[in-house]
Amino acid sequence: MTSSGKGTFQPDSDVHISFEDQQKINKFARLNAKVDDIKQELKMKQNDLKNLDEAVEELSLADDTEKIPYLIGEVFICQSLEDTLKSLEVTKSKKQDEIKELDAKYEELKAQMGELKLHLYGKFGSHINLENEEE
């Protein structure tokens, strides 16, 4: 029986993963999943902020005497242009605060992941891959 070595798995006998190391790898994977979730949420909130900016621009063309329908929850209310602009500014401010909060969480998680990467690559070298496919 001859084997060309193609397609056969030959484990490295010099790589030993301790329980603590496995815990760190698992923690890295959880942090990576959280980072992905935060990236998606940030993208959505930035898109919402862009839509709010566009709404303010559109309202600058509106007549002052018009009543503007404004969505609150699941109900539209009609209000003056001035009140609608104030409501939009409050909503924009809240959205910007949410984005800042998510950015801070993102940076904190990336820092934790960096520490784990440093330790794990230091111990396992090329035997471990912690990089995202998209990075």
Protein backbone atom coordinates (compact mmCIF):
# COMPACT_ATOMS: atom_id res chain seq x y z
CA MET A 1 0.00 0.00 0.00
CA THR A 2 1.73 3.15 -1.20
CA SER A 3 0.64 6.60 -0.23
CA SER A 4 1.60 9.74 -2.07
CA GLY A 5 0.75 11.88 0.94
CA LYS A 6 -1.96 13.71 -0.96
CA GLY A 7 -5.16 14.18 0.98
CA THR A 8 -3.90 12.39 4.06
CA PHE A 9 -3.92 14.14 7.38
CA GLN A 10 -0.77 13.93 9.41
CA PRO A 11 -1.15 15.64 12.78
CA ASP A 12 1.82 17.54 14.12
CA SER A 13 3.04 15.67 17.14
CA ASP A 14 4.76 18.74 18.63
CA VAL A 15 1.57 20.83 19.00
CA HIS A 16 -0.17 20.36 22.32
CA ILE A 17 -3.19 22.45 23.23
CA SER A 18 -3.78 22.84 26.94
CA PHE A 19 -7.19 23.47 28.47
CA GLU A 20 -6.24 27.12 29.09
CA ASP A 21 -5.17 27.54 25.48
CA GLN A 22 -8.44 26.03 24.26
CA GLN A 23 -10.32 28.46 26.51
CA LYS A 24 -8.41 31.36 24.95
CA ILE A 25 -9.17 30.09 21.44
CA ASN A 26 -12.85 29.80 22.35
CA LYS A 27 -12.85 33.30 23.85
CA PHE A 28 -11.25 34.65 20.67
CA ALA A 29 -13.98 32.99 18.57
CA ARG A 30 -16.73 34.50 20.76
CA LEU A 31 -15.15 37.95 20.56
CA ASN A 32 -14.81 37.59 16.80
CA ALA A 33 -18.53 36.77 16.51
CA LYS A 34 -19.39 39.83 18.64
CA VAL A 35 -17.19 42.03 16.45
CA ASP A 36 -19.02 40.79 13.35
CA ASP A 37 -22.38 41.56 14.98
CA ILE A 38 -21.22 45.05 15.97
CA LYS A 39 -19.95 45.69 12.42
CA GLN A 40 -23.38 44.81 11.02
CA GLU A 41 -25.17 46.94 13.60
CA LEU A 42 -22.82 49.87 12.93
CA LYS A 43 -23.49 49.60 9.22
CA MET A 44 -27.26 49.71 9.83
CA LYS A 45 -27.05 52.68 12.19
CA GLN A 46 -24.79 54.61 9.81
CA ASN A 47 -27.29 53.95 7.04
CA ASP A 48 -30.10 55.20 9.32
CA LEU A 49 -28.09 58.36 10.04
CA LYS A 50 -27.55 58.90 6.33
CA ASN A 51 -31.31 58.55 5.75
CA LEU A 52 -32.01 61.10 8.49
CA ASP A 53 -29.58 63.55 6.88
CA GLU A 54 -31.29 63.08 3.55
CA ALA A 55 -34.70 63.65 5.16
CA VAL A 56 -33.50 66.96 6.63
CA GLU A 57 -32.23 68.01 3.19
CA GLU A 58 -35.55 67.11 1.57
CA LEU A 59 -37.48 69.05 4.20
CA SER A 60 -35.47 72.17 3.44
CA LEU A 61 -37.41 72.27 0.17
CA ALA A 62 -40.80 71.93 1.88
CA ASP A 63 -43.29 74.76 2.42
CA ASP A 64 -43.51 76.12 5.99
CA THR A 65 -47.29 75.82 6.02
CA GLU A 66 -47.33 72.11 5.16
CA LYS A 67 -48.01 69.50 7.82
CA ILE A 68 -45.35 66.81 7.67
CA PRO A 69 -46.21 63.18 8.53
CA TYR A 70 -43.65 61.89 11.04
CA LEU A 71 -43.41 58.25 12.08
CA ILE A 72 -43.35 57.62 15.82
CA GLY A 73 -43.36 53.91 16.61
CA GLU A 74 -46.05 52.51 14.34
CA VAL A 75 -48.08 55.70 13.95
CA PHE A 76 -47.66 58.72 11.71
CA ILE A 77 -48.41 62.10 13.26
CA CYS A 78 -48.70 65.32 11.30
CA GLN A 79 -46.68 68.20 12.65
CA SER A 80 -45.25 71.48 11.49
CA LEU A 81 -42.02 71.68 9.53
CA GLU A 82 -40.22 73.24 12.49
CA ASP A 83 -41.35 70.48 14.88
CA THR A 84 -40.41 67.81 12.35
CA LEU A 85 -36.91 69.27 11.95
CA LYS A 86 -36.48 69.36 15.74
CA SER A 87 -37.64 65.73 15.99
CA LEU A 88 -35.20 64.71 13.26
CA GLU A 89 -32.32 66.48 15.01
CA VAL A 90 -33.11 64.69 18.29
CA THR A 91 -33.25 61.36 16.46
CA LYS A 92 -29.97 62.10 14.67
CA SER A 93 -28.30 62.97 17.96
CA LYS A 94 -29.46 59.70 19.53
CA LYS A 95 -28.27 57.73 16.50
CA GLN A 96 -24.84 59.43 16.64
CA ASP A 97 -24.56 58.53 20.34
CA GLU A 98 -25.44 54.92 19.55
CA ILE A 99 -22.77 54.86 16.83
CA LYS A 100 -20.15 56.26 19.23
CA GLU A 101 -21.08 53.61 21.80
CA LEU A 102 -20.77 50.82 19.23
CA ASP A 103 -17.43 52.21 18.02
CA ALA A 104 -16.12 52.13 21.60
CA LYS A 105 -17.31 48.52 22.07
CA TYR A 106 -15.74 47.57 18.74
CA GLU A 107 -12.37 49.05 19.72
CA GLU A 108 -12.48 47.36 23.14
CA LEU A 109 -13.21 43.96 21.59
CA LYS A 110 -10.48 44.43 18.96
CA ALA A 111 -7.98 45.22 21.74
CA GLN A 112 -8.93 42.05 23.63
CA MET A 113 -8.63 40.05 20.42
CA GLY A 114 -5.21 41.57 19.78
CA GLU A 115 -3.96 40.41 23.17
CA LEU A 116 -5.29 36.90 22.57
CA LYS A 117 -3.77 36.83 19.07
CA LEU A 118 -0.40 37.85 20.46
CA HIS A 119 -0.46 35.06 23.04
CA LEU A 120 -1.83 32.37 20.72
CA TYR A 121 0.44 33.17 17.77
CA GLY A 122 3.37 33.34 20.20
CA LYS A 123 2.61 29.85 21.42
CA PHE A 124 1.38 28.13 18.26
CA GLY A 125 2.97 30.17 15.48
CA SER A 126 1.86 29.00 12.04
CA HIS A 127 -0.12 26.09 13.50
CA ILE A 128 -3.07 28.39 14.20
CA ASN A 129 -4.97 30.80 11.97
CA LEU A 130 -6.93 33.57 13.69
CA GLU A 131 -7.40 35.86 10.69
CA ASN A 132 -10.79 36.59 9.14
CA GLU A 133 -11.18 35.63 5.50
CA GLU A 134 -12.30 39.18 4.65
CA GLU A 135 -9.36 40.94 6.31
